[in-house]
Amino acid sequence: MSFQSVTLSETPAMQPLAQILRLAPGRTHELCGPARQVLAAWVMAQHPAGTPVIWIRPSWKGNRLHPQALCDWTSPEGLIIVETARESEALGCAEEALRSGAVALVMVELGSPLALTPLRRLHLAAQTGLERRRVQARDSTVMGLILTPENGGSAGVESRWHLAPCPASPRPGDTGFHPAWVLQRLRARTLPPATWTVHKTPGQAALHGIMHKAQ
């Protein structure tokens, strides 16, 4: 993926990541790119510690998800990891979990972009779960996330986000080098595409992004 079409603005302003990643509840969003698991952890961090979250993964994958590894980004308290043998089982589990309204966030790792029909089913389940959660006076957040490789491409998602690491570089006014990523909003129903460079600086309470502007 090329980023040659964007440049840093002359007076870049930092935005809190929580302000950038405002995902609509009651819908399903797509996270893609080589750092999509990190991006999923960032979305988890938007919820209070202990909020019930389900992360669904293929059981045949060689790597495993360790909750302790998420501690740099979010609290693993409340996280439930589910492993399934087939994608159909993963989608069925996600649909039921969303529809129940018992969890705020359901994430599904997929091997390829999702077709329109199963995506619509996840949308409907998330909307039903959101209504149930509001009636139960818990909170107003229920959403689905599908994690897909490369640039994603699932039809009908509410929004699509791509995250990739980029070379570390000093931030304005800072002489140190810190981890950095390029975050792209590739698609959203009500917002245009956009790109940010996200920095992690020791001592910061939260991640911040610097928006790029198109040439």
N, C-alpha and C. Protein backbone atom coordinates (compact mmCIF):
# COMPACT_ATOMS: atom_id res chain seq x y z
N MET A 1 0.85 -1.19 0.00
CA MET A 1 0.00 0.00 0.00
C MET A 1 0.88 1.24 0.00
N SER A 2 0.56 2.21 -0.84
CA SER A 2 1.38 3.41 -0.96
C SER A 2 0.76 4.54 -0.16
N PHE A 3 1.63 5.32 0.47
CA PHE A 3 1.17 6.48 1.23
C PHE A 3 1.73 7.76 0.60
N GLN A 4 2.15 7.70 -0.70
CA GLN A 4 2.76 8.84 -1.34
C GLN A 4 1.76 9.94 -1.64
N SER A 5 0.47 9.64 -1.56
CA SER A 5 -0.54 10.63 -1.88
C SER A 5 -0.88 11.55 -0.72
N VAL A 6 -0.23 11.37 0.43
CA VAL A 6 -0.52 12.21 1.59
C VAL A 6 0.76 12.80 2.12
N THR A 7 0.65 13.95 2.74
CA THR A 7 1.78 14.59 3.37
C THR A 7 1.33 15.16 4.70
N LEU A 8 2.26 15.33 5.63
CA LEU A 8 1.91 15.95 6.90
C LEU A 8 1.52 17.41 6.67
N SER A 9 0.53 17.85 7.38
CA SER A 9 0.13 19.25 7.28
C SER A 9 1.23 20.13 7.85
N GLU A 10 1.21 21.40 7.47
CA GLU A 10 2.26 22.32 7.91
C GLU A 10 2.22 22.53 9.41
N THR A 11 1.04 22.50 9.99
CA THR A 11 0.90 22.65 11.44
C THR A 11 0.09 21.47 11.98
N PRO A 12 0.72 20.29 12.06
CA PRO A 12 -0.02 19.11 12.47
C PRO A 12 -0.52 19.22 13.90
N ALA A 13 -1.75 18.84 14.11
CA ALA A 13 -2.36 18.85 15.44
C ALA A 13 -2.59 17.42 15.88
N MET A 14 -2.24 17.13 17.13
CA MET A 14 -2.43 15.78 17.66
C MET A 14 -3.88 15.60 18.10
N GLN A 15 -4.42 14.42 17.81
CA GLN A 15 -5.77 14.05 18.24
C GLN A 15 -5.68 12.81 19.13
N PRO A 16 -6.40 12.79 20.23
CA PRO A 16 -6.46 11.54 21.01
C PRO A 16 -7.02 10.41 20.16
N LEU A 17 -6.46 9.23 20.33
CA LEU A 17 -6.92 8.10 19.54
C LEU A 17 -8.40 7.81 19.79
N ALA A 18 -8.86 8.02 21.02
CA ALA A 18 -10.27 7.79 21.33
C ALA A 18 -11.18 8.70 20.50
N GLN A 19 -10.68 9.86 20.13
CA GLN A 19 -11.46 10.77 19.30
C GLN A 19 -11.48 10.31 17.85
N ILE A 20 -10.37 9.71 17.40
CA ILE A 20 -10.28 9.23 16.02
C ILE A 20 -11.14 7.98 15.83
N LEU A 21 -11.02 7.04 16.76
CA LEU A 21 -11.70 5.74 16.64
C LEU A 21 -13.09 5.79 17.28
N ARG A 22 -13.94 6.63 16.75
CA ARG A 22 -15.33 6.68 17.20
C ARG A 22 -16.16 5.80 16.27
N LEU A 23 -16.39 4.57 16.69
CA LEU A 23 -17.09 3.61 15.86
C LEU A 23 -18.57 3.56 16.24
N ALA A 24 -19.42 3.56 15.25
CA ALA A 24 -20.87 3.56 15.49
C ALA A 24 -21.30 2.27 16.16
N PRO A 25 -22.06 2.34 17.26
CA PRO A 25 -22.58 1.14 17.91
C PRO A 25 -23.70 0.52 17.10
N GLY A 26 -24.00 -0.75 17.40
CA GLY A 26 -25.07 -1.43 16.71
C GLY A 26 -24.74 -1.79 15.27
N ARG A 27 -23.46 -1.76 14.91
CA ARG A 27 -23.03 -2.05 13.55
C ARG A 27 -21.77 -2.92 13.60
N THR A 28 -21.31 -3.35 12.42
CA THR A 28 -20.09 -4.16 12.31
C THR A 28 -19.07 -3.40 11.48
N HIS A 29 -17.84 -3.35 11.99
CA HIS A 29 -16.75 -2.62 11.36
C HIS A 29 -15.64 -3.59 10.97
N GLU A 30 -14.81 -3.20 10.01
CA GLU A 30 -13.74 -4.07 9.53
C GLU A 30 -12.38 -3.47 9.89
N LEU A 31 -11.52 -4.31 10.47
CA LEU A 31 -10.13 -3.94 10.77
C LEU A 31 -9.23 -4.80 9.91
N CYS A 32 -8.29 -4.18 9.21
CA CYS A 32 -7.43 -4.94 8.31
C CYS A 32 -6.00 -4.40 8.44
N GLY A 33 -5.09 -5.03 7.67
CA GLY A 33 -3.69 -4.61 7.70
C GLY A 33 -2.86 -5.50 8.61
N PRO A 34 -1.54 -5.37 8.54
CA PRO A 34 -0.65 -6.25 9.31
C PRO A 34 -0.73 -6.06 10.81
N ALA A 35 -1.23 -4.91 11.29
CA ALA A 35 -1.33 -4.65 12.73
C ALA A 35 -2.79 -4.61 13.18
N ARG A 36 -3.65 -5.40 12.53
CA ARG A 36 -5.08 -5.33 12.85
C ARG A 36 -5.37 -5.82 14.27
N GLN A 37 -4.58 -6.77 14.81
CA GLN A 37 -4.81 -7.21 16.18
C GLN A 37 -4.51 -6.08 17.17
N VAL A 38 -3.47 -5.30 16.88
CA VAL A 38 -3.18 -4.13 17.72
C VAL A 38 -4.34 -3.14 17.66
N LEU A 39 -4.86 -2.92 16.46
CA LEU A 39 -5.99 -2.01 16.30
C LEU A 39 -7.20 -2.51 17.08
N ALA A 40 -7.42 -3.82 17.08
CA ALA A 40 -8.53 -4.38 17.86
C ALA A 40 -8.34 -4.09 19.35
N ALA A 41 -7.10 -4.20 19.82
CA ALA A 41 -6.82 -3.88 21.23
C ALA A 41 -7.08 -2.41 21.52
N TRP A 42 -6.79 -1.54 20.56
CA TRP A 42 -7.07 -0.12 20.75
C TRP A 42 -8.57 0.13 20.87
N VAL A 43 -9.36 -0.58 20.08
CA VAL A 43 -10.81 -0.43 20.20
C VAL A 43 -11.29 -0.95 21.55
N MET A 44 -10.73 -2.07 22.00
CA MET A 44 -11.07 -2.59 23.33
C MET A 44 -10.81 -1.55 24.41
N ALA A 45 -9.73 -0.80 24.23
CA ALA A 45 -9.34 0.18 25.24
C ALA A 45 -10.34 1.33 25.37
N GLN A 46 -11.26 1.47 24.41
CA GLN A 46 -12.28 2.51 24.51
C GLN A 46 -13.36 2.15 25.52
N HIS A 47 -13.34 0.89 25.99
CA HIS A 47 -14.34 0.43 26.95
C HIS A 47 -13.74 0.37 28.35
N PRO A 48 -14.53 0.55 29.38
CA PRO A 48 -14.02 0.44 30.75
C PRO A 48 -13.48 -0.95 31.04
N ALA A 49 -12.50 -1.03 31.92
CA ALA A 49 -11.94 -2.32 32.31
C ALA A 49 -13.04 -3.23 32.85
N GLY A 50 -13.00 -4.49 32.44
CA GLY A 50 -14.01 -5.44 32.89
C GLY A 50 -15.20 -5.56 31.97
N THR A 51 -15.29 -4.69 30.96
CA THR A 51 -16.39 -4.79 30.01
C THR A 51 -16.31 -6.13 29.27
N PRO A 52 -17.40 -6.89 29.19
CA PRO A 52 -17.33 -8.19 28.52
C PRO A 52 -17.06 -8.06 27.02
N VAL A 53 -16.01 -8.75 26.57
CA VAL A 53 -15.58 -8.73 25.17
C VAL A 53 -15.31 -10.16 24.74
N ILE A 54 -15.77 -10.54 23.56
CA ILE A 54 -15.50 -11.87 23.00
C ILE A 54 -14.61 -11.72 21.78
N TRP A 55 -13.50 -12.47 21.77
CA TRP A 55 -12.56 -12.47 20.65
C TRP A 55 -12.56 -13.89 20.08
N ILE A 56 -13.03 -14.04 18.84
CA ILE A 56 -13.19 -15.35 18.20
C ILE A 56 -12.06 -15.55 17.19
N ARG A 57 -11.35 -16.69 17.32
CA ARG A 57 -10.19 -16.95 16.47
C ARG A 57 -10.25 -18.38 15.92
N PRO A 58 -9.58 -18.64 14.78
CA PRO A 58 -9.53 -20.02 14.26
C PRO A 58 -8.65 -20.89 15.16
N SER A 59 -9.13 -22.07 15.47
CA SER A 59 -8.36 -22.97 16.34
C SER A 59 -7.15 -23.55 15.63
N TRP A 60 -7.15 -23.53 14.29
CA TRP A 60 -6.05 -24.15 13.55
C TRP A 60 -4.85 -23.23 13.36
N LYS A 61 -4.98 -21.96 13.74
CA LYS A 61 -3.84 -21.05 13.60
C LYS A 61 -2.76 -21.41 14.61
N GLY A 62 -1.50 -21.32 14.17
CA GLY A 62 -0.39 -21.72 15.03
C GLY A 62 -0.16 -20.78 16.19
N ASN A 63 -0.42 -19.49 16.00
CA ASN A 63 -0.21 -18.55 17.09
C ASN A 63 -1.41 -18.52 18.02
N ARG A 64 -1.20 -18.03 19.21
CA ARG A 64 -2.27 -17.94 20.21
C ARG A 64 -2.34 -16.52 20.75
N LEU A 65 -3.52 -16.15 21.18
CA LEU A 65 -3.73 -14.83 21.76
C LEU A 65 -3.55 -14.91 23.27
N HIS A 66 -2.58 -14.18 23.81
CA HIS A 66 -2.31 -14.18 25.24
C HIS A 66 -2.85 -12.87 25.84
N PRO A 67 -3.81 -12.95 26.74
CA PRO A 67 -4.38 -11.74 27.32
C PRO A 67 -3.33 -10.81 27.94
N GLN A 68 -2.29 -11.40 28.55
CA GLN A 68 -1.26 -10.57 29.18
C GLN A 68 -0.55 -9.68 28.17
N ALA A 69 -0.49 -10.14 26.91
CA ALA A 69 0.18 -9.35 25.88
C ALA A 69 -0.59 -8.09 25.52
N LEU A 70 -1.86 -8.01 25.93
CA LEU A 70 -2.68 -6.84 25.64
C LEU A 70 -2.52 -5.74 26.68
N CYS A 71 -1.78 -6.02 27.74
CA CYS A 71 -1.73 -5.09 28.87
C CYS A 71 -1.11 -3.74 28.52
N ASP A 72 -0.26 -3.70 27.48
CA ASP A 72 0.29 -2.42 27.07
C ASP A 72 -0.76 -1.50 26.48
N TRP A 73 -1.89 -2.10 26.04
CA TRP A 73 -2.92 -1.31 25.35
C TRP A 73 -4.21 -1.23 26.12
N THR A 74 -4.60 -2.32 26.77
CA THR A 74 -5.90 -2.36 27.41
C THR A 74 -5.91 -3.41 28.51
N SER A 75 -6.90 -3.37 29.35
CA SER A 75 -7.04 -4.38 30.40
C SER A 75 -7.67 -5.64 29.81
N PRO A 76 -7.07 -6.82 30.02
CA PRO A 76 -7.67 -8.06 29.51
C PRO A 76 -8.82 -8.55 30.38
N GLU A 77 -9.09 -7.86 31.47
CA GLU A 77 -10.21 -8.25 32.34
C GLU A 77 -11.51 -8.19 31.54
N GLY A 78 -12.28 -9.25 31.60
CA GLY A 78 -13.54 -9.30 30.86
C GLY A 78 -13.42 -9.93 29.49
N LEU A 79 -12.18 -10.21 29.03
CA LEU A 79 -11.98 -10.79 27.71
C LEU A 79 -12.24 -12.30 27.72
N ILE A 80 -13.05 -12.76 26.77
CA ILE A 80 -13.32 -14.18 26.58
C ILE A 80 -12.80 -14.57 25.20
N ILE A 81 -11.89 -15.54 25.14
CA ILE A 81 -11.32 -15.99 23.87
C ILE A 81 -12.01 -17.28 23.45
N VAL A 82 -12.52 -17.29 22.23
CA VAL A 82 -13.21 -18.46 21.68
C VAL A 82 -12.46 -18.91 20.43
N GLU A 83 -12.18 -20.22 20.34
CA GLU A 83 -11.52 -20.76 19.16
C GLU A 83 -12.48 -21.73 18.47
N THR A 84 -12.61 -21.59 17.17
CA THR A 84 -13.52 -22.43 16.39
C THR A 84 -12.76 -23.11 15.26
N ALA A 85 -13.27 -24.26 14.84
CA ALA A 85 -12.61 -25.03 13.79
C ALA A 85 -12.96 -24.53 12.40
N ARG A 86 -14.15 -23.94 12.23
CA ARG A 86 -14.60 -23.49 10.92
C ARG A 86 -15.11 -22.06 10.99
N GLU A 87 -15.01 -21.35 9.85
CA GLU A 87 -15.45 -19.97 9.80
C GLU A 87 -16.95 -19.87 10.04
N SER A 88 -17.72 -20.83 9.56
CA SER A 88 -19.16 -20.81 9.77
C SER A 88 -19.50 -20.84 11.27
N GLU A 89 -18.72 -21.60 12.04
CA GLU A 89 -18.93 -21.65 13.48
C GLU A 89 -18.57 -20.31 14.12
N ALA A 90 -17.49 -19.70 13.64
CA ALA A 90 -17.09 -18.40 14.18
C ALA A 90 -18.16 -17.35 13.94
N LEU A 91 -18.72 -17.31 12.74
CA LEU A 91 -19.75 -16.33 12.43
C LEU A 91 -21.03 -16.60 13.21
N GLY A 92 -21.38 -17.89 13.38
CA GLY A 92 -22.56 -18.22 14.17
C GLY A 92 -22.41 -17.80 15.62
N CYS A 93 -21.22 -18.03 16.17
CA CYS A 93 -20.94 -17.63 17.55
C CYS A 93 -21.00 -16.11 17.69
N ALA A 94 -20.43 -15.40 16.72
CA ALA A 94 -20.43 -13.93 16.76
C ALA A 94 -21.86 -13.39 16.69
N GLU A 95 -22.66 -13.98 15.83
CA GLU A 95 -24.04 -13.52 15.66
C GLU A 95 -24.84 -13.70 16.95
N GLU A 96 -24.70 -14.86 17.57
CA GLU A 96 -25.44 -15.12 18.80
C GLU A 96 -24.97 -14.21 19.93
N ALA A 97 -23.65 -13.99 20.02
CA ALA A 97 -23.12 -13.14 21.08
C ALA A 97 -23.59 -11.69 20.91
N LEU A 98 -23.59 -11.21 19.67
CA LEU A 98 -24.06 -9.84 19.42
C LEU A 98 -25.54 -9.71 19.73
N ARG A 99 -26.33 -10.66 19.29
CA ARG A 99 -27.78 -10.59 19.46
C ARG A 99 -28.18 -10.64 20.94
N SER A 100 -27.39 -11.31 21.74
CA SER A 100 -27.74 -11.46 23.16
C SER A 100 -27.72 -10.14 23.93
N GLY A 101 -26.85 -9.22 23.50
CA GLY A 101 -26.70 -7.98 24.24
C GLY A 101 -25.90 -8.13 25.52
N ALA A 102 -25.34 -9.32 25.74
CA ALA A 102 -24.60 -9.58 26.98
C ALA A 102 -23.17 -9.07 26.92
N VAL A 103 -22.66 -8.79 25.72
CA VAL A 103 -21.29 -8.31 25.57
C VAL A 103 -21.30 -7.01 24.78
N ALA A 104 -20.30 -6.19 25.03
CA ALA A 104 -20.23 -4.90 24.35
C ALA A 104 -19.51 -4.98 23.02
N LEU A 105 -18.61 -5.95 22.89
CA LEU A 105 -17.75 -6.01 21.70
C LEU A 105 -17.51 -7.47 21.33
N VAL A 106 -17.72 -7.79 20.06
CA VAL A 106 -17.46 -9.13 19.53
C VAL A 106 -16.51 -8.99 18.35
N MET A 107 -15.35 -9.65 18.42
CA MET A 107 -14.35 -9.58 17.37
C MET A 107 -14.16 -10.96 16.75
N VAL A 108 -14.06 -11.00 15.42
CA VAL A 108 -13.92 -12.27 14.70
C VAL A 108 -12.74 -12.16 13.73
N GLU A 109 -11.76 -13.04 13.86
CA GLU A 109 -10.65 -13.09 12.92
C GLU A 109 -11.04 -13.99 11.75
N LEU A 110 -10.94 -13.45 10.53
CA LEU A 110 -11.32 -14.18 9.33
C LEU A 110 -10.13 -14.29 8.38
N GLY A 111 -10.16 -15.30 7.52
CA GLY A 111 -9.07 -15.49 6.57
C GLY A 111 -9.23 -14.70 5.30
N SER A 112 -10.41 -14.13 5.06
CA SER A 112 -10.68 -13.36 3.85
C SER A 112 -11.86 -12.43 4.10
N PRO A 113 -12.06 -11.43 3.24
CA PRO A 113 -13.21 -10.52 3.43
C PRO A 113 -14.52 -11.28 3.48
N LEU A 114 -15.49 -10.70 4.16
CA LEU A 114 -16.78 -11.34 4.39
C LEU A 114 -17.77 -10.94 3.30
N ALA A 115 -18.60 -11.91 2.89
CA ALA A 115 -19.63 -11.64 1.89
C ALA A 115 -20.75 -10.79 2.49
N LEU A 116 -21.58 -10.25 1.61
CA LEU A 116 -22.59 -9.29 2.04
C LEU A 116 -23.65 -9.92 2.95
N THR A 117 -24.14 -11.11 2.62
CA THR A 117 -25.22 -11.71 3.40
C THR A 117 -24.83 -11.99 4.85
N PRO A 118 -23.70 -12.68 5.13
CA PRO A 118 -23.33 -12.86 6.54
C PRO A 118 -23.00 -11.55 7.24
N LEU A 119 -22.51 -10.57 6.49
CA LEU A 119 -22.23 -9.26 7.09
C LEU A 119 -23.53 -8.59 7.53
N ARG A 120 -24.56 -8.69 6.70
CA ARG A 120 -25.85 -8.12 7.07
C ARG A 120 -26.41 -8.80 8.32
N ARG A 121 -26.20 -10.09 8.44
CA ARG A 121 -26.67 -10.81 9.63
C ARG A 121 -25.98 -10.28 10.89
N LEU A 122 -24.70 -9.97 10.77
CA LEU A 122 -23.98 -9.41 11.93
C LEU A 122 -24.50 -8.02 12.26
N HIS A 123 -24.79 -7.21 11.23
CA HIS A 123 -25.38 -5.89 11.48
C HIS A 123 -26.69 -6.02 12.26
N LEU A 124 -27.57 -6.90 11.80
CA LEU A 124 -28.87 -7.06 12.44
C LEU A 124 -28.71 -7.57 13.87
N ALA A 125 -27.78 -8.50 14.07
CA ALA A 125 -27.56 -9.03 15.41
C ALA A 125 -27.03 -7.94 16.33
N ALA A 126 -26.11 -7.11 15.83
CA ALA A 126 -25.55 -6.02 16.65
C ALA A 126 -26.63 -5.00 17.02
N GLN A 127 -27.53 -4.70 16.08
CA GLN A 127 -28.59 -3.75 16.36
C GLN A 127 -29.55 -4.31 17.42
N THR A 128 -29.89 -5.59 17.29
CA THR A 128 -30.76 -6.22 18.28
C THR A 128 -30.10 -6.24 19.66
N GLY A 129 -28.83 -6.60 19.69
CA GLY A 129 -28.10 -6.63 20.96
C GLY A 129 -28.00 -5.26 21.60
N LEU A 130 -27.82 -4.22 20.78
CA LEU A 130 -27.74 -2.86 21.31
C LEU A 130 -29.05 -2.46 21.96
N GLU A 131 -30.16 -2.79 21.32
CA GLU A 131 -31.46 -2.45 21.89
C GLU A 131 -31.68 -3.20 23.21
N ARG A 132 -31.29 -4.46 23.27
CA ARG A 132 -31.45 -5.23 24.50
C ARG A 132 -30.56 -4.68 25.60
N ARG A 133 -29.35 -4.30 25.26
CA ARG A 133 -28.43 -3.79 26.27
C ARG A 133 -28.92 -2.46 26.85
N ARG A 134 -29.51 -1.64 26.00
CA ARG A 134 -30.05 -0.37 26.49
C ARG A 134 -31.24 -0.60 27.42
N VAL A 135 -32.09 -1.57 27.08
CA VAL A 135 -33.24 -1.89 27.94
C VAL A 135 -32.77 -2.39 29.30
N GLN A 136 -31.68 -3.15 29.30
CA GLN A 136 -31.13 -3.69 30.54
C GLN A 136 -30.34 -2.65 31.33
N ALA A 137 -30.28 -1.41 30.79
CA ALA A 137 -29.64 -0.28 31.48
C ALA A 137 -28.17 -0.55 31.79
N ARG A 138 -27.48 -1.23 30.86
CA ARG A 138 -26.06 -1.47 31.06
C ARG A 138 -25.26 -0.31 30.47
N ASP A 139 -25.23 -0.22 29.15
CA ASP A 139 -24.60 0.90 28.47
C ASP A 139 -25.14 0.92 27.06
N SER A 140 -24.64 1.80 26.24
CA SER A 140 -25.18 1.95 24.88
C SER A 140 -24.15 1.52 23.85
N THR A 141 -23.38 0.47 24.15
CA THR A 141 -22.35 0.02 23.22
C THR A 141 -22.48 -1.47 22.98
N VAL A 142 -22.79 -1.83 21.76
CA VAL A 142 -22.67 -3.19 21.26
C VAL A 142 -22.23 -3.07 19.81
N MET A 143 -21.12 -3.69 19.45
CA MET A 143 -20.67 -3.62 18.06
C MET A 143 -19.86 -4.86 17.71
N GLY A 144 -19.77 -5.12 16.42
CA GLY A 144 -18.98 -6.23 15.92
C GLY A 144 -17.77 -5.72 15.16
N LEU A 145 -16.67 -6.45 15.26
CA LEU A 145 -15.45 -6.16 14.50
C LEU A 145 -15.04 -7.42 13.76
N ILE A 146 -14.79 -7.31 12.47
CA ILE A 146 -14.22 -8.42 11.72
C ILE A 146 -12.79 -8.05 11.34
N LEU A 147 -11.85 -8.95 11.62
CA LEU A 147 -10.44 -8.73 11.34
C LEU A 147 -10.07 -9.52 10.10
N THR A 148 -9.66 -8.82 9.04
CA THR A 148 -9.36 -9.46 7.77
C THR A 148 -7.96 -9.08 7.30
N PRO A 149 -7.31 -9.94 6.50
CA PRO A 149 -5.93 -9.66 6.09
C PRO A 149 -5.84 -8.59 5.01
N GLU A 150 -4.61 -8.10 4.81
CA GLU A 150 -4.27 -7.13 3.77
C GLU A 150 -5.17 -5.89 3.86
N ASN A 151 -5.86 -5.55 2.77
CA ASN A 151 -6.66 -4.33 2.76
C ASN A 151 -8.15 -4.58 3.00
N GLY A 152 -8.48 -5.76 3.49
CA GLY A 152 -9.88 -6.06 3.75
C GLY A 152 -10.70 -6.08 2.47
N GLY A 153 -11.91 -5.55 2.55
CA GLY A 153 -12.77 -5.49 1.38
C GLY A 153 -14.13 -6.11 1.58
N SER A 154 -14.53 -6.35 2.82
CA SER A 154 -15.86 -6.91 3.10
C SER A 154 -16.95 -5.93 2.65
N ALA A 155 -17.94 -6.45 1.94
CA ALA A 155 -19.01 -5.60 1.42
C ALA A 155 -19.98 -5.21 2.52
N GLY A 156 -20.34 -3.94 2.57
CA GLY A 156 -21.40 -3.49 3.46
C GLY A 156 -20.99 -3.15 4.88
N VAL A 157 -19.68 -3.10 5.19
CA VAL A 157 -19.27 -2.75 6.55
C VAL A 157 -19.58 -1.29 6.83
N GLU A 158 -19.80 -1.00 8.10
CA GLU A 158 -20.06 0.38 8.51
C GLU A 158 -18.83 1.25 8.28
N SER A 159 -17.66 0.70 8.60
CA SER A 159 -16.40 1.41 8.35
C SER A 159 -15.28 0.39 8.19
N ARG A 160 -14.20 0.80 7.52
CA ARG A 160 -13.05 -0.07 7.32
C ARG A 160 -11.79 0.70 7.71
N TRP A 161 -10.96 0.07 8.56
CA TRP A 161 -9.75 0.71 9.08
C TRP A 161 -8.54 -0.19 8.81
N HIS A 162 -7.44 0.43 8.44
CA HIS A 162 -6.20 -0.29 8.13
C HIS A 162 -5.10 0.25 9.04
N LEU A 163 -4.35 -0.67 9.67
CA LEU A 163 -3.25 -0.26 10.54
C LEU A 163 -1.98 -1.01 10.15
N ALA A 164 -0.89 -0.27 10.03
CA ALA A 164 0.41 -0.86 9.70
C ALA A 164 1.50 -0.12 10.46
N PRO A 165 2.53 -0.83 10.92
CA PRO A 165 3.64 -0.13 11.57
C PRO A 165 4.41 0.71 10.57
N CYS A 166 5.03 1.76 11.05
CA CYS A 166 5.87 2.58 10.19
C CYS A 166 7.16 2.88 10.93
N PRO A 167 8.22 3.30 10.23
CA PRO A 167 9.50 3.58 10.90
C PRO A 167 9.34 4.59 12.02
N ALA A 168 9.97 4.30 13.14
CA ALA A 168 9.92 5.22 14.28
C ALA A 168 10.61 6.52 13.92
N SER A 169 10.06 7.60 14.40
CA SER A 169 10.65 8.92 14.13
C SER A 169 10.32 9.84 15.30
N PRO A 170 11.15 10.85 15.54
CA PRO A 170 10.86 11.76 16.65
C PRO A 170 9.66 12.62 16.36
N ARG A 171 8.81 12.82 17.36
CA ARG A 171 7.68 13.72 17.22
C ARG A 171 8.16 15.15 17.34
N PRO A 172 7.36 16.12 16.83
CA PRO A 172 7.74 17.52 16.98
C PRO A 172 8.01 17.87 18.44
N GLY A 173 9.19 18.46 18.70
CA GLY A 173 9.55 18.85 20.05
C GLY A 173 10.06 17.72 20.91
N ASP A 174 10.28 16.54 20.33
CA ASP A 174 10.73 15.37 21.09
C ASP A 174 11.95 14.79 20.41
N THR A 175 13.00 14.55 21.16
CA THR A 175 14.23 14.03 20.58
C THR A 175 14.30 12.51 20.59
N GLY A 176 13.35 11.85 21.24
CA GLY A 176 13.36 10.39 21.33
C GLY A 176 12.66 9.74 20.15
N PHE A 177 12.93 8.46 19.97
CA PHE A 177 12.27 7.67 18.94
C PHE A 177 11.33 6.68 19.61
N HIS A 178 10.09 6.62 19.13
CA HIS A 178 9.07 5.80 19.77
C HIS A 178 8.28 5.04 18.71
N PRO A 179 7.60 3.94 19.10
CA PRO A 179 6.82 3.18 18.14
C PRO A 179 5.78 4.06 17.44
N ALA A 180 5.53 3.75 16.17
CA ALA A 180 4.57 4.53 15.40
C ALA A 180 3.87 3.63 14.40
N TRP A 181 2.66 4.03 14.03
CA TRP A 181 1.84 3.28 13.08
C TRP A 181 1.15 4.26 12.13
N VAL A 182 0.79 3.77 10.96
CA VAL A 182 -0.05 4.53 10.04
C VAL A 182 -1.46 3.95 10.10
N LEU A 183 -2.40 4.77 10.52
CA LEU A 183 -3.80 4.38 10.64
C LEU A 183 -4.58 5.03 9.51
N GLN A 184 -5.31 4.20 8.76
CA GLN A 184 -6.12 4.72 7.66
C GLN A 184 -7.59 4.39 7.86
N ARG A 185 -8.44 5.37 7.68
CA ARG A 185 -9.87 5.12 7.56
C ARG A 185 -10.16 4.99 6.06
N LEU A 186 -10.27 3.74 5.63
CA LEU A 186 -10.45 3.49 4.20
C LEU A 186 -11.88 3.70 3.74
N ARG A 187 -12.81 3.48 4.65
CA ARG A 187 -14.22 3.61 4.28
C ARG A 187 -15.04 3.93 5.51
N ALA A 188 -16.02 4.80 5.35
CA ALA A 188 -17.01 5.08 6.39
C ALA A 188 -18.24 5.65 5.72
N ARG A 189 -19.39 5.35 6.28
CA ARG A 189 -20.63 5.79 5.63
C ARG A 189 -20.80 7.30 5.63
N THR A 190 -20.34 7.96 6.67
CA THR A 190 -20.60 9.40 6.79
C THR A 190 -19.34 10.25 6.84
N LEU A 191 -18.16 9.62 6.69
CA LEU A 191 -16.90 10.37 6.77
C LEU A 191 -15.99 10.01 5.60
N PRO A 192 -15.13 10.95 5.18
CA PRO A 192 -14.24 10.67 4.06
C PRO A 192 -13.05 9.83 4.50
N PRO A 193 -12.33 9.24 3.55
CA PRO A 193 -11.07 8.56 3.89
C PRO A 193 -10.10 9.52 4.56
N ALA A 194 -9.30 9.00 5.47
CA ALA A 194 -8.34 9.84 6.19
C ALA A 194 -7.17 8.98 6.66
N THR A 195 -6.06 9.64 6.96
CA THR A 195 -4.84 8.95 7.39
C THR A 195 -4.23 9.70 8.57
N TRP A 196 -3.75 8.92 9.55
CA TRP A 196 -3.07 9.48 10.71
C TRP A 196 -1.76 8.71 10.96
N THR A 197 -0.78 9.38 11.52
CA THR A 197 0.37 8.71 12.10
C THR A 197 0.14 8.67 13.61
N VAL A 198 0.13 7.46 14.18
CA VAL A 198 -0.16 7.27 15.60
C VAL A 198 1.14 6.99 16.33
N HIS A 199 1.38 7.69 17.43
CA HIS A 199 2.61 7.57 18.20
C HIS A 199 2.32 7.04 19.60
N LYS A 200 3.25 6.26 20.09
CA LYS A 200 3.20 5.81 21.49
C LYS A 200 4.44 6.37 22.19
N THR A 201 4.21 7.26 23.12
CA THR A 201 5.29 7.91 23.84
C THR A 201 5.25 7.51 25.31
N PRO A 202 6.36 7.07 25.88
CA PRO A 202 6.37 6.72 27.31
C PRO A 202 5.87 7.88 28.17
N GLY A 203 5.03 7.53 29.12
CA GLY A 203 4.51 8.55 30.03
C GLY A 203 3.18 9.14 29.58
N GLN A 204 2.79 8.91 28.31
CA GLN A 204 1.50 9.41 27.86
C GLN A 204 0.37 8.54 28.40
N ALA A 205 -0.72 9.16 28.77
CA ALA A 205 -1.86 8.40 29.24
C ALA A 205 -2.61 7.73 28.10
N ALA A 206 -2.46 8.26 26.88
CA ALA A 206 -3.20 7.70 25.75
C ALA A 206 -2.40 7.90 24.47
N LEU A 207 -2.71 7.09 23.47
CA LEU A 207 -2.11 7.25 22.15
C LEU A 207 -2.69 8.49 21.47
N HIS A 208 -1.88 9.12 20.61
CA HIS A 208 -2.33 10.28 19.85
C HIS A 208 -1.97 10.08 18.39
N GLY A 209 -2.77 10.67 17.52
CA GLY A 209 -2.53 10.60 16.09
C GLY A 209 -2.36 11.98 15.49
N ILE A 210 -1.55 12.06 14.45
CA ILE A 210 -1.36 13.30 13.69
C ILE A 210 -1.94 13.06 12.32
N MET A 211 -2.94 13.85 11.95
CA MET A 211 -3.62 13.63 10.68
C MET A 211 -2.77 14.12 9.52
N HIS A 212 -2.82 13.36 8.42
CA HIS A 212 -2.23 13.77 7.16
C HIS A 212 -3.31 14.45 6.34
N LYS A 213 -2.89 15.21 5.36
CA LYS A 213 -3.86 15.80 4.43
C LYS A 213 -3.45 15.44 3.01
N ALA A 214 -4.46 15.23 2.16
CA ALA A 214 -4.19 14.85 0.77
C ALA A 214 -3.56 16.01 0.02
N GLN A 215 -2.65 15.68 -0.89
CA GLN A 215 -2.03 16.71 -1.71
C GLN A 215 -3.02 17.20 -2.78
